[in-house]
Amino acid sequence: METRMHKPKFFITDVFTSRKYGGNPLATFIDCESLSSQEMQRIAREINFSETTFITSRQPQDGGYDVRIFTPRAEVEFAGHPTLGTAYVIREKLRLTTASEVVLNLRAGKIPVTFYEVSGQASRLWMRQMPPRFGKRLEAGTLARLLGLAASDIAPDFPVEEVSTGFPTLVVPLASLAALRRIKINRDEYFALANDAWAKIILAFSREAYEAGQHLSVRVFADFYGIPEDAATGSSNGALAAYLARHELFGAPNIDVTVGQGYEMGRPSDLALRTNNTKGEIEVSVGGSVVEVAEGVWG
């Protein structure tokens, strides 16, 4: 049997929620320098959360903490709820820093996470995402068939468009919350599209909210990465924020809105989206809360 000097320790958090067992669960590993990429992938597959993160050193490197992110199927350059959850573990559990900003060194680049506190307790974390990039616009009928909807369920006033703030996402505007709830992915259509697409994740949204205080409802599908549906997706909601700002869905280039996600999965999630477009470039931030669930030693 293989032995290690230190067994990796892990923490489980729920992200984009203020209560346990809501939001999106995350497993974060520390003391895992001896793990190979293949072992990290096997652990992520065993845990089978939408993402698992590995902090590969307790010491900051070039002003940030080196972190790797794995879905059950592949390593990815960036993901939103793992970024917030991992920053929380670094600051609140490992106590590696007391600074109000924690920088993660991800494959996509440096992502800063800012902590806003109330009475000494972290209440909301905000991550500033990468500058947005916009890709292709797709035909609405194609997405209607893929989502198992009628063509009339796709909102006609805004495009179906690829957007990335670190993880390319296909943003699909729907005409109603009822249509959002009726989605049933045609997997053959999905993989036919995703195999050759820049954006392999689909975010469908409605301007009708699940609950009072929210502005939008969202569902996210990423079966290409082993995630048939995701409960709270910070990266794709960052792409949505850039989309909303670019097309001024709320009547202005700057937005400050709250999104509900995960309701169909029984994991209600709240994500806060902000953009700043005053410098000629859309700056995107996504915020939410993190809740501690469990911790342990692996192996």
Protein backbone atom coordinates (compact mmCIF):
# COMPACT_ATOMS: atom_id res chain seq x y z
CA MET A 1 0.00 0.00 0.00
CA GLU A 2 1.24 3.46 -0.89
CA THR A 3 2.03 5.71 2.08
CA ARG A 4 2.37 9.49 2.24
CA MET A 5 4.16 11.80 4.64
CA HIS A 6 0.93 13.78 5.05
CA LYS A 7 -2.55 12.65 4.15
CA PRO A 8 -4.51 15.37 2.36
CA LYS A 9 -7.09 17.17 4.47
CA PHE A 10 -10.38 18.29 2.94
CA PHE A 11 -13.13 20.78 3.70
CA ILE A 12 -16.69 20.72 2.37
CA THR A 13 -18.54 23.99 1.96
CA ASP A 14 -21.82 25.07 0.37
CA VAL A 15 -21.40 28.13 -1.84
CA PHE A 16 -23.92 30.76 -2.94
CA THR A 17 -26.17 30.09 0.03
CA SER A 18 -26.60 31.26 3.62
CA ARG A 19 -27.73 27.85 4.89
CA LYS A 20 -26.36 24.31 4.85
CA TYR A 21 -27.48 21.97 2.09
CA GLY A 22 -28.36 24.77 -0.27
CA GLY A 23 -26.17 26.32 -2.95
CA ASN A 24 -23.44 24.32 -4.65
CA PRO A 25 -21.29 21.89 -2.60
CA LEU A 26 -17.51 22.05 -2.90
CA ALA A 27 -14.69 19.83 -1.64
CA THR A 28 -11.36 21.62 -1.15
CA PHE A 29 -8.13 19.71 -0.48
CA ILE A 30 -4.95 20.96 1.21
CA ASP A 31 -1.57 19.27 1.87
CA CYS A 32 -1.90 17.57 -1.50
CA GLU A 33 1.46 18.46 -3.06
CA SER A 34 2.28 14.78 -3.54
CA LEU A 35 -0.89 14.05 -5.49
CA SER A 36 -0.48 13.61 -9.25
CA SER A 37 -2.92 15.11 -11.72
CA GLN A 38 -4.35 11.64 -12.29
CA GLU A 39 -4.94 11.16 -8.56
CA MET A 40 -6.64 14.55 -8.30
CA GLN A 41 -8.93 13.59 -11.16
CA ARG A 42 -9.79 10.26 -9.53
CA ILE A 43 -10.60 12.00 -6.24
CA ALA A 44 -12.83 14.52 -8.04
CA ARG A 45 -14.62 11.65 -9.78
CA GLU A 46 -15.07 9.81 -6.47
CA ILE A 47 -16.50 12.85 -4.69
CA ASN A 48 -18.64 13.62 -7.76
CA PHE A 49 -19.45 17.23 -6.87
CA SER A 50 -19.60 19.56 -9.86
CA GLU A 51 -16.07 20.67 -8.88
CA THR A 52 -13.33 19.77 -6.42
CA THR A 53 -10.38 22.06 -5.73
CA PHE A 54 -6.79 21.40 -4.66
CA ILE A 55 -4.68 24.05 -2.93
CA THR A 56 -1.25 22.89 -4.01
CA SER A 57 0.78 24.99 -1.56
CA ARG A 58 0.11 26.77 1.72
CA GLN A 59 2.66 29.40 0.69
CA PRO A 60 1.55 32.20 -1.66
CA GLN A 61 3.22 32.27 -5.07
CA ASP A 62 3.51 35.54 -6.99
CA GLY A 63 0.93 37.18 -4.77
CA GLY A 64 -1.66 34.40 -4.90
CA TYR A 65 -2.43 30.82 -3.88
CA ASP A 66 -2.01 28.10 -6.49
CA VAL A 67 -5.29 26.22 -6.95
CA ARG A 68 -6.40 23.55 -9.40
CA ILE A 69 -10.05 22.84 -10.23
CA PHE A 70 -11.45 19.50 -11.41
CA THR A 71 -14.91 18.44 -12.49
CA PRO A 72 -15.68 14.70 -12.32
CA ARG A 73 -14.46 14.47 -15.91
CA ALA A 74 -11.72 17.06 -16.49
CA GLU A 75 -9.52 19.80 -15.08
CA VAL A 76 -10.87 23.26 -15.93
CA GLU A 77 -9.31 26.70 -16.14
CA PHE A 78 -11.88 28.51 -14.03
CA ALA A 79 -15.12 27.98 -12.14
CA GLY A 80 -17.02 30.37 -9.93
CA HIS A 81 -18.28 28.60 -6.82
CA PRO A 82 -14.93 26.76 -6.38
CA THR A 83 -13.17 30.14 -6.45
CA LEU A 84 -15.32 31.59 -3.66
CA GLY A 85 -15.32 28.39 -1.60
CA THR A 86 -11.56 27.90 -1.86
CA ALA A 87 -10.84 31.52 -0.93
CA TYR A 88 -13.08 31.03 2.10
CA VAL A 89 -11.12 27.93 3.16
CA ILE A 90 -7.78 29.73 2.72
CA ARG A 91 -8.80 32.67 4.90
CA GLU A 92 -11.40 31.38 7.34
CA LYS A 93 -10.34 27.74 7.90
CA LEU A 94 -6.60 27.59 7.22
CA ARG A 95 -5.97 31.16 8.43
CA LEU A 96 -3.25 31.58 5.81
CA THR A 97 -4.07 35.29 5.60
CA THR A 98 -6.20 37.88 7.34
CA ALA A 99 -6.30 40.22 4.34
CA SER A 100 -9.66 41.33 2.99
CA GLU A 101 -8.62 40.11 -0.48
CA VAL A 102 -7.42 36.62 -1.35
CA VAL A 103 -5.97 36.01 -4.81
CA LEU A 104 -6.21 32.58 -6.43
CA ASN A 105 -3.73 31.57 -9.15
CA LEU A 106 -5.91 29.55 -11.51
CA ARG A 107 -5.20 28.24 -14.99
CA ALA A 108 -7.33 31.10 -16.33
CA GLY A 109 -5.24 33.68 -14.48
CA LYS A 110 -5.28 35.54 -11.19
CA ILE A 111 -8.75 35.86 -9.64
CA PRO A 112 -9.12 38.17 -6.61
CA VAL A 113 -11.81 37.42 -4.03
CA THR A 114 -12.83 40.22 -1.64
CA PHE A 115 -14.42 39.57 1.76
CA TYR A 116 -17.05 41.95 3.10
CA GLU A 117 -17.69 41.47 6.81
CA VAL A 118 -20.48 42.29 9.23
CA SER A 119 -19.56 42.25 12.95
CA GLY A 120 -16.36 40.35 12.20
CA GLN A 121 -18.09 37.60 10.23
CA ALA A 122 -17.70 37.15 6.47
CA SER A 123 -21.14 37.84 5.01
CA ARG A 124 -20.45 37.98 1.29
CA LEU A 125 -17.49 37.20 -0.95
CA TRP A 126 -17.02 38.87 -4.33
CA MET A 127 -14.80 37.65 -7.15
CA ARG A 128 -13.73 39.88 -10.00
CA GLN A 129 -13.72 37.76 -13.15
CA MET A 130 -11.70 37.97 -16.34
CA PRO A 131 -12.59 40.62 -18.97
CA PRO A 132 -15.48 39.27 -21.06
CA ARG A 133 -15.09 37.81 -24.52
CA PHE A 134 -18.02 37.34 -26.87
CA GLY A 135 -18.24 34.54 -29.40
CA LYS A 136 -20.80 33.31 -31.91
CA ARG A 137 -24.53 33.93 -31.99
CA LEU A 138 -26.59 30.81 -32.60
CA GLU A 139 -29.96 30.23 -34.19
CA ALA A 140 -32.78 30.18 -31.63
CA GLY A 141 -34.51 27.16 -33.16
CA THR A 142 -31.43 25.02 -32.63
CA LEU A 143 -31.44 25.79 -28.93
CA ALA A 144 -35.18 25.29 -28.63
CA ARG A 145 -34.80 21.73 -29.93
CA LEU A 146 -31.79 21.10 -27.69
CA LEU A 147 -33.68 22.34 -24.60
CA GLY A 148 -36.86 20.45 -25.47
CA LEU A 149 -38.79 23.70 -25.88
CA ALA A 150 -40.89 25.40 -28.55
CA ALA A 151 -39.32 28.12 -30.68
CA SER A 152 -41.72 30.60 -29.03
CA ASP A 153 -40.12 29.83 -25.65
CA ILE A 154 -36.89 31.56 -26.73
CA ALA A 155 -37.10 35.31 -26.03
CA PRO A 156 -37.01 37.06 -29.42
CA ASP A 157 -35.52 40.42 -28.41
CA PHE A 158 -32.03 39.29 -27.43
CA PRO A 159 -29.50 36.89 -28.98
CA VAL A 160 -28.41 33.37 -28.12
CA GLU A 161 -24.72 34.15 -27.65
CA GLU A 162 -21.43 32.67 -26.49
CA VAL A 163 -19.78 34.65 -23.66
CA SER A 164 -16.81 34.00 -21.40
CA THR A 165 -15.44 35.67 -18.27
CA GLY A 166 -13.12 32.71 -17.73
CA PHE A 167 -15.30 29.75 -18.80
CA PRO A 168 -17.15 29.97 -22.14
CA THR A 169 -20.92 29.74 -21.75
CA LEU A 170 -23.78 29.81 -24.25
CA VAL A 171 -26.38 32.26 -22.89
CA VAL A 172 -29.99 31.55 -23.91
CA PRO A 173 -32.76 34.06 -23.06
CA LEU A 174 -36.16 32.47 -22.41
CA ALA A 175 -39.60 34.05 -22.54
CA SER A 176 -40.82 32.80 -19.14
CA LEU A 177 -40.01 31.01 -15.92
CA ALA A 178 -42.46 28.30 -16.99
CA ALA A 179 -40.29 27.62 -20.04
CA LEU A 180 -37.17 27.49 -17.86
CA ARG A 181 -38.82 24.89 -15.63
CA ARG A 182 -39.88 22.77 -18.62
CA ILE A 183 -36.37 22.31 -20.00
CA LYS A 184 -35.49 18.72 -20.81
CA ILE A 185 -32.11 18.44 -22.47
CA ASN A 186 -31.88 16.45 -25.68
CA ARG A 187 -28.47 14.88 -25.00
CA ASP A 188 -27.84 13.94 -28.63
CA GLU A 189 -28.47 17.53 -29.72
CA TYR A 190 -26.41 18.84 -26.81
CA PHE A 191 -23.31 16.76 -27.51
CA ALA A 192 -23.56 17.38 -31.25
CA LEU A 193 -23.39 21.09 -30.47
CA ALA A 194 -20.88 20.94 -27.59
CA ASN A 195 -18.31 18.72 -29.28
CA ASP A 196 -17.32 21.45 -31.74
CA ALA A 197 -18.36 24.55 -29.80
CA TRP A 198 -16.23 27.07 -27.94
CA ALA A 199 -18.94 27.30 -25.25
CA LYS A 200 -19.89 23.82 -24.04
CA ILE A 201 -21.94 25.03 -21.05
CA ILE A 202 -25.50 26.25 -21.55
CA LEU A 203 -27.07 28.88 -19.31
CA ALA A 204 -30.78 29.52 -19.88
CA PHE A 205 -32.39 32.42 -18.03
CA SER A 206 -35.73 34.11 -17.55
CA ARG A 207 -36.50 37.62 -16.37
CA GLU A 208 -39.13 36.12 -14.06
CA ALA A 209 -37.70 35.30 -10.63
CA TYR A 210 -38.17 32.29 -8.37
CA GLU A 211 -38.53 34.44 -5.26
CA ALA A 212 -39.13 38.04 -4.21
CA GLY A 213 -35.88 39.98 -4.10
CA GLN A 214 -34.41 38.15 -7.10
CA HIS A 215 -34.29 39.64 -10.58
CA LEU A 216 -33.61 36.58 -12.75
CA SER A 217 -33.97 32.80 -12.73
CA VAL A 218 -31.28 30.57 -14.22
CA ARG A 219 -30.53 26.94 -15.04
CA VAL A 220 -27.09 25.72 -16.16
CA PHE A 221 -26.23 22.49 -18.03
CA ALA A 222 -22.69 21.16 -18.46
CA ASP A 223 -22.94 17.44 -19.21
CA PHE A 224 -19.81 17.71 -21.40
CA TYR A 225 -17.89 18.13 -18.12
CA GLY A 226 -19.86 15.44 -16.29
CA ILE A 227 -22.37 17.90 -14.77
CA PRO A 228 -25.87 17.30 -16.22
CA GLU A 229 -27.18 20.31 -14.25
CA ASP A 230 -25.41 22.65 -11.84
CA ALA A 231 -26.89 24.16 -8.67
CA ALA A 232 -24.98 27.47 -8.65
CA THR A 233 -22.53 28.47 -11.37
CA GLY A 234 -20.43 31.56 -10.68
CA SER A 235 -18.48 31.38 -13.94
CA SER A 236 -21.55 31.12 -16.19
CA ASN A 237 -23.38 33.77 -14.20
CA GLY A 238 -20.37 36.00 -14.76
CA ALA A 239 -20.87 35.44 -18.48
CA LEU A 240 -24.55 36.26 -17.98
CA ALA A 241 -23.61 39.50 -16.21
CA ALA A 242 -21.46 40.54 -19.18
CA TYR A 243 -24.31 39.63 -21.54
CA LEU A 244 -26.84 41.65 -19.52
CA ALA A 245 -24.51 44.65 -19.50
CA ARG A 246 -23.66 44.44 -23.20
CA HIS A 247 -27.30 44.25 -24.28
CA GLU A 248 -28.60 46.55 -21.51
CA LEU A 249 -31.42 44.20 -20.51
CA PHE A 250 -32.02 46.37 -17.45
CA GLY A 251 -31.83 49.61 -19.43
CA ALA A 252 -28.24 50.50 -18.56
CA PRO A 253 -24.72 49.17 -19.14
CA ASN A 254 -24.17 48.66 -15.39
CA ILE A 255 -26.15 46.06 -13.47
CA ASP A 256 -26.59 45.10 -9.81
CA VAL A 257 -28.94 42.10 -9.68
CA THR A 258 -29.61 38.88 -7.81
CA VAL A 259 -30.07 35.54 -9.58
CA GLY A 260 -31.80 32.39 -8.36
CA GLN A 261 -30.50 28.98 -9.48
CA GLY A 262 -30.71 25.35 -8.36
CA TYR A 263 -34.41 25.33 -7.48
CA GLU A 264 -35.26 22.39 -9.74
CA MET A 265 -32.47 20.43 -8.03
CA GLY A 266 -33.68 21.13 -4.50
CA ARG A 267 -30.62 23.33 -3.79
CA PRO A 268 -31.81 26.95 -3.93
CA SER A 269 -28.93 29.32 -4.59
CA ASP A 270 -28.51 33.11 -4.62
CA LEU A 271 -25.87 34.77 -6.77
CA ALA A 272 -25.21 38.52 -6.89
CA LEU A 273 -24.04 40.02 -10.21
CA ARG A 274 -22.47 43.43 -10.75
CA THR A 275 -20.87 45.13 -13.71
CA ASN A 276 -18.92 48.35 -14.10
CA ASN A 277 -18.75 49.67 -17.64
CA THR A 278 -17.42 53.16 -16.97
CA LYS A 279 -13.92 52.52 -18.36
CA GLY A 280 -14.99 51.28 -21.80
CA GLU A 281 -14.62 47.65 -20.75
CA ILE A 282 -17.17 45.57 -18.87
CA GLU A 283 -15.81 44.65 -15.43
CA VAL A 284 -17.72 41.69 -13.97
CA SER A 285 -18.04 40.69 -10.31
CA VAL A 286 -20.03 37.79 -8.88
CA GLY A 287 -20.81 37.50 -5.17
CA GLY A 288 -22.29 35.09 -2.67
CA SER A 289 -22.06 33.55 0.76
CA VAL A 290 -20.24 30.39 1.90
CA VAL A 291 -21.37 27.94 4.60
CA GLU A 292 -19.14 25.36 6.32
CA VAL A 293 -20.43 21.78 6.20
CA ALA A 294 -17.70 19.26 7.14
CA GLU A 295 -13.98 18.52 7.18
CA GLY A 296 -11.81 15.43 7.36
CA VAL A 297 -8.73 13.55 6.22
CA TRP A 298 -8.59 11.67 2.92
CA GLY A 299 -7.36 8.12 2.92
